[in-house]
Amino acid sequence: MEQDIQVKEIPAQLALTVHARVSLATVAQGMGEAFDAIMTHAQASGARFAGPPFCLYPEPPGDDFGIVLCMPVAPGATAGGGVALEEIPGGTVAAALHKGPYSAMEETYRAMEVWMTAAGRRPAGAPREVYLNDPMTVAESELLTEIDWPMA
């Protein structure tokens, strides 16, 4: 599958976050629990959303790895109840749109690595998966995920 990969600048984003440790077998459950915690806190605190949810992957996936589930919010949001408020750094990224099941995103990541190498660039930080539609209401084949991978 050929990927359209572009260089873009993404801004820093204020986000409600939950840090979790997961495995490949539990990543969906961990993300669901983190998202539920963020949504519950946002509703209780009156936080206003400022973009689609995304997840940072500061460690390569494996038997035990960390994720940071993020929901961009407008200024004035507050932390609480296991939910942090953080500014997520922006910067220069390689960006690709993945269409289809989350389980097939490895192909997109591999294409991005090949593209970066060919462009004389290299990964330089945690990839960000931006979830552009809802897996509860969209067929797996129609899921859209933007992958933003910091590079040097």
C-alpha atoms as a PDB file:
ATOM      1  CA  MET A   1       0.000   0.000   0.000  1.00  0.00           C
ATOM      2  CA  GLU A   2       1.491   3.335  -1.071  1.00  0.00           C
ATOM      3  CA  GLN A   3       1.343   6.149   1.475  1.00  0.00           C
ATOM      4  CA  ASP A   4       1.106   9.869   0.906  1.00  0.00           C
ATOM      5  CA  ILE A   5       3.583  11.182   3.483  1.00  0.00           C
ATOM      6  CA  GLN A   6       4.075  14.892   4.047  1.00  0.00           C
ATOM      7  CA  VAL A   7       6.177  17.128   6.246  1.00  0.00           C
ATOM      8  CA  LYS A   8       4.135  19.438   8.426  1.00  0.00           C
ATOM      9  CA  GLU A   9       4.420  21.595  11.520  1.00  0.00           C
ATOM     10  CA  ILE A  10       2.039  20.803  14.340  1.00  0.00           C
ATOM     11  CA  PRO A  11       1.459  23.259  17.173  1.00  0.00           C
ATOM     12  CA  ALA A  12       1.835  22.507  20.852  1.00  0.00           C
ATOM     13  CA  GLN A  13      -1.513  21.426  22.308  1.00  0.00           C
ATOM     14  CA  LEU A  14      -2.993  21.713  25.772  1.00  0.00           C
ATOM     15  CA  ALA A  15      -4.520  18.321  26.583  1.00  0.00           C
ATOM     16  CA  LEU A  16      -6.116  16.289  29.309  1.00  0.00           C
ATOM     17  CA  THR A  17      -3.955  13.158  29.546  1.00  0.00           C
ATOM     18  CA  VAL A  18      -3.826   9.723  31.109  1.00  0.00           C
ATOM     19  CA  HIS A  19      -0.550   7.787  31.195  1.00  0.00           C
ATOM     20  CA  ALA A  20      -0.965   4.006  31.146  1.00  0.00           C
ATOM     21  CA  ARG A  21       1.128   0.851  30.841  1.00  0.00           C
ATOM     22  CA  VAL A  22      -0.239  -1.705  28.415  1.00  0.00           C
ATOM     23  CA  SER A  23       0.762  -4.678  26.277  1.00  0.00           C
ATOM     24  CA  LEU A  24      -0.161  -5.448  22.693  1.00  0.00           C
ATOM     25  CA  ALA A  25      -2.934  -7.658  24.086  1.00  0.00           C
ATOM     26  CA  THR A  26      -4.314  -4.945  26.405  1.00  0.00           C
ATOM     27  CA  VAL A  27      -3.719  -1.727  24.465  1.00  0.00           C
ATOM     28  CA  ALA A  28      -7.355  -1.374  23.314  1.00  0.00           C
ATOM     29  CA  GLN A  29      -8.644  -1.932  26.856  1.00  0.00           C
ATOM     30  CA  GLY A  30      -6.082   0.475  28.320  1.00  0.00           C
ATOM     31  CA  MET A  31      -6.951   3.152  25.788  1.00  0.00           C
ATOM     32  CA  GLY A  32     -10.672   2.670  26.456  1.00  0.00           C
ATOM     33  CA  GLU A  33     -10.205   3.031  30.207  1.00  0.00           C
ATOM     34  CA  ALA A  34      -8.015   6.123  29.764  1.00  0.00           C
ATOM     35  CA  PHE A  35     -10.500   7.696  27.362  1.00  0.00           C
ATOM     36  CA  ASP A  36     -13.385   6.988  29.761  1.00  0.00           C
ATOM     37  CA  ALA A  37     -11.443   8.649  32.611  1.00  0.00           C
ATOM     38  CA  ILE A  38     -10.772  11.725  30.476  1.00  0.00           C
ATOM     39  CA  MET A  39     -14.389  11.991  29.322  1.00  0.00           C
ATOM     40  CA  THR A  40     -15.741  11.591  32.875  1.00  0.00           C
ATOM     41  CA  HIS A  41     -13.346  14.241  34.186  1.00  0.00           C
ATOM     42  CA  ALA A  42     -14.035  16.619  31.284  1.00  0.00           C
ATOM     43  CA  GLN A  43     -17.773  16.402  31.807  1.00  0.00           C
ATOM     44  CA  ALA A  44     -17.463  16.935  35.574  1.00  0.00           C
ATOM     45  CA  SER A  45     -15.010  19.836  35.221  1.00  0.00           C
ATOM     46  CA  GLY A  46     -16.593  21.576  32.230  1.00  0.00           C
ATOM     47  CA  ALA A  47     -13.520  21.225  30.014  1.00  0.00           C
ATOM     48  CA  ARG A  48     -14.066  22.231  26.377  1.00  0.00           C
ATOM     49  CA  PHE A  49     -12.538  20.025  23.698  1.00  0.00           C
ATOM     50  CA  ALA A  50     -10.282  21.619  21.086  1.00  0.00           C
ATOM     51  CA  GLY A  51      -9.622  18.791  18.637  1.00  0.00           C
ATOM     52  CA  PRO A  52      -9.756  15.040  18.130  1.00  0.00           C
ATOM     53  CA  PRO A  53      -8.263  12.599  20.654  1.00  0.00           C
ATOM     54  CA  PHE A  54      -4.772  11.262  20.077  1.00  0.00           C
ATOM     55  CA  CYS A  55      -2.358   8.837  21.652  1.00  0.00           C
ATOM     56  CA  LEU A  56       1.399   9.203  22.092  1.00  0.00           C
ATOM     57  CA  TYR A  57       3.646   6.153  21.947  1.00  0.00           C
ATOM     58  CA  PRO A  58       6.857   7.092  23.792  1.00  0.00           C
ATOM     59  CA  GLU A  59       8.040   3.439  23.768  1.00  0.00           C
ATOM     60  CA  PRO A  60       7.952   0.798  21.034  1.00  0.00           C
ATOM     61  CA  PRO A  61       4.945  -1.543  21.426  1.00  0.00           C
ATOM     62  CA  GLY A  62       5.726  -4.864  23.095  1.00  0.00           C
ATOM     63  CA  ASP A  63       4.929  -6.924  26.167  1.00  0.00           C
ATOM     64  CA  ASP A  64       4.879  -3.839  28.413  1.00  0.00           C
ATOM     65  CA  PHE A  65       4.947  -0.262  27.105  1.00  0.00           C
ATOM     66  CA  GLY A  66       3.687   3.175  27.980  1.00  0.00           C
ATOM     67  CA  ILE A  67       1.040   5.194  26.188  1.00  0.00           C
ATOM     68  CA  VAL A  68      -0.323   8.671  26.800  1.00  0.00           C
ATOM     69  CA  LEU A  69      -3.942   9.161  25.786  1.00  0.00           C
ATOM     70  CA  CYS A  70      -4.646  12.835  25.092  1.00  0.00           C
ATOM     71  CA  MET A  71      -7.734  14.963  24.519  1.00  0.00           C
ATOM     72  CA  PRO A  72      -6.962  18.515  23.344  1.00  0.00           C
ATOM     73  CA  VAL A  73      -8.763  21.126  25.440  1.00  0.00           C
ATOM     74  CA  ALA A  74      -9.238  24.872  25.485  1.00  0.00           C
ATOM     75  CA  PRO A  75      -7.436  26.985  28.097  1.00  0.00           C
ATOM     76  CA  GLY A  76      -9.146  26.903  31.472  1.00  0.00           C
ATOM     77  CA  ALA A  77      -9.297  23.110  31.746  1.00  0.00           C
ATOM     78  CA  THR A  78      -8.084  21.592  34.997  1.00  0.00           C
ATOM     79  CA  ALA A  79      -6.494  18.323  36.102  1.00  0.00           C
ATOM     80  CA  GLY A  80      -7.979  15.921  38.630  1.00  0.00           C
ATOM     81  CA  GLY A  81      -9.050  12.369  39.381  1.00  0.00           C
ATOM     82  CA  GLY A  82      -6.099  10.641  37.718  1.00  0.00           C
ATOM     83  CA  VAL A  83      -6.272  12.954  34.695  1.00  0.00           C
ATOM     84  CA  ALA A  84      -3.382  15.366  34.117  1.00  0.00           C
ATOM     85  CA  LEU A  85      -3.324  18.630  32.190  1.00  0.00           C
ATOM     86  CA  GLU A  86      -0.238  18.876  29.982  1.00  0.00           C
ATOM     87  CA  GLU A  87       1.077  20.892  27.088  1.00  0.00           C
ATOM     88  CA  ILE A  88       2.013  18.390  24.399  1.00  0.00           C
ATOM     89  CA  PRO A  89       4.931  19.735  22.340  1.00  0.00           C
ATOM     90  CA  GLY A  90       4.535  20.453  18.667  1.00  0.00           C
ATOM     91  CA  GLY A  91       7.187  20.437  15.976  1.00  0.00           C
ATOM     92  CA  THR A  92       8.107  19.085  12.572  1.00  0.00           C
ATOM     93  CA  VAL A  93       6.538  15.723  11.774  1.00  0.00           C
ATOM     94  CA  ALA A  94       6.165  13.249   8.969  1.00  0.00           C
ATOM     95  CA  ALA A  95       2.395  12.891   8.584  1.00  0.00           C
ATOM     96  CA  ALA A  96       0.452  10.075   6.950  1.00  0.00           C
ATOM     97  CA  LEU A  97      -3.243   9.222   6.867  1.00  0.00           C
ATOM     98  CA  HIS A  98      -4.014   5.570   7.622  1.00  0.00           C
ATOM     99  CA  LYS A  99      -7.388   4.263   6.476  1.00  0.00           C
ATOM    100  CA  GLY A 100      -8.544   0.953   7.862  1.00  0.00           C
ATOM    101  CA  PRO A 101      -8.155  -1.191  10.969  1.00  0.00           C
ATOM    102  CA  TYR A 102      -5.858  -0.110  13.758  1.00  0.00           C
ATOM    103  CA  SER A 103      -4.291  -3.581  13.585  1.00  0.00           C
ATOM    104  CA  ALA A 104      -2.942  -2.759  10.102  1.00  0.00           C
ATOM    105  CA  MET A 105      -1.171   0.494  11.045  1.00  0.00           C
ATOM    106  CA  GLU A 106       2.210  -1.220  11.197  1.00  0.00           C
ATOM    107  CA  GLU A 107       2.309  -1.021   7.378  1.00  0.00           C
ATOM    108  CA  THR A 108       1.904   2.751   7.527  1.00  0.00           C
ATOM    109  CA  TYR A 109       4.626   3.068  10.168  1.00  0.00           C
ATOM    110  CA  ARG A 110       7.010   0.978   8.032  1.00  0.00           C
ATOM    111  CA  ALA A 111       6.272   3.150   4.987  1.00  0.00           C
ATOM    112  CA  MET A 112       6.983   6.250   7.068  1.00  0.00           C
ATOM    113  CA  GLU A 113      10.336   4.848   8.247  1.00  0.00           C
ATOM    114  CA  VAL A 114      11.327   4.069   4.648  1.00  0.00           C
ATOM    115  CA  TRP A 115      10.233   7.546   3.559  1.00  0.00           C
ATOM    116  CA  MET A 116      12.202   9.244   6.360  1.00  0.00           C
ATOM    117  CA  THR A 117      15.349   7.294   5.513  1.00  0.00           C
ATOM    118  CA  ALA A 118      15.019   8.166   1.806  1.00  0.00           C
ATOM    119  CA  ALA A 119      14.540  11.831   2.732  1.00  0.00           C
ATOM    120  CA  GLY A 120      17.654  11.834   4.946  1.00  0.00           C
ATOM    121  CA  ARG A 121      15.550  12.201   8.091  1.00  0.00           C
ATOM    122  CA  ARG A 122      15.073  10.036  11.179  1.00  0.00           C
ATOM    123  CA  PRO A 123      12.429   9.572  13.882  1.00  0.00           C
ATOM    124  CA  ALA A 124      12.940  11.999  16.770  1.00  0.00           C
ATOM    125  CA  GLY A 125      10.214  11.430  19.307  1.00  0.00           C
ATOM    126  CA  ALA A 126       6.993   9.696  20.191  1.00  0.00           C
ATOM    127  CA  PRO A 127       4.628   9.065  17.287  1.00  0.00           C
ATOM    128  CA  ARG A 128       1.159  10.556  17.680  1.00  0.00           C
ATOM    129  CA  GLU A 129      -1.935   8.746  16.403  1.00  0.00           C
ATOM    130  CA  VAL A 130      -4.805  11.200  15.887  1.00  0.00           C
ATOM    131  CA  TYR A 131      -8.160   9.400  15.774  1.00  0.00           C
ATOM    132  CA  LEU A 132     -10.324  11.205  13.225  1.00  0.00           C
ATOM    133  CA  ASN A 133     -13.480   9.125  13.593  1.00  0.00           C
ATOM    134  CA  ASP A 134     -15.161   6.923  16.171  1.00  0.00           C
ATOM    135  CA  PRO A 135     -14.548   3.144  16.104  1.00  0.00           C
ATOM    136  CA  MET A 136     -17.903   2.685  17.853  1.00  0.00           C
ATOM    137  CA  THR A 137     -19.811   4.201  14.896  1.00  0.00           C
ATOM    138  CA  VAL A 138     -17.578   3.592  11.844  1.00  0.00           C
ATOM    139  CA  ALA A 139     -16.745   0.314  10.110  1.00  0.00           C
ATOM    140  CA  GLU A 140     -13.159  -0.861  10.699  1.00  0.00           C
ATOM    141  CA  SER A 141     -12.400  -0.441   6.995  1.00  0.00           C
ATOM    142  CA  GLU A 142     -13.383   3.244   7.218  1.00  0.00           C
ATOM    143  CA  LEU A 143     -11.380   4.216  10.313  1.00  0.00           C
ATOM    144  CA  LEU A 144      -9.150   7.247   9.717  1.00  0.00           C
ATOM    145  CA  THR A 145      -6.014   7.781  11.785  1.00  0.00           C
ATOM    146  CA  GLU A 146      -3.454  10.483  11.129  1.00  0.00           C
ATOM    147  CA  ILE A 147       0.016   9.443  12.219  1.00  0.00           C
ATOM    148  CA  ASP A 148       2.303  12.357  13.096  1.00  0.00           C
ATOM    149  CA  TRP A 149       5.869  11.217  13.743  1.00  0.00           C
ATOM    150  CA  PRO A 150       8.413  13.806  14.960  1.00  0.00           C
ATOM    151  CA  MET A 151      11.591  13.757  12.911  1.00  0.00           C
ATOM    152  CA  ALA A 152      15.005  15.312  12.765  1.00  0.00           C
END
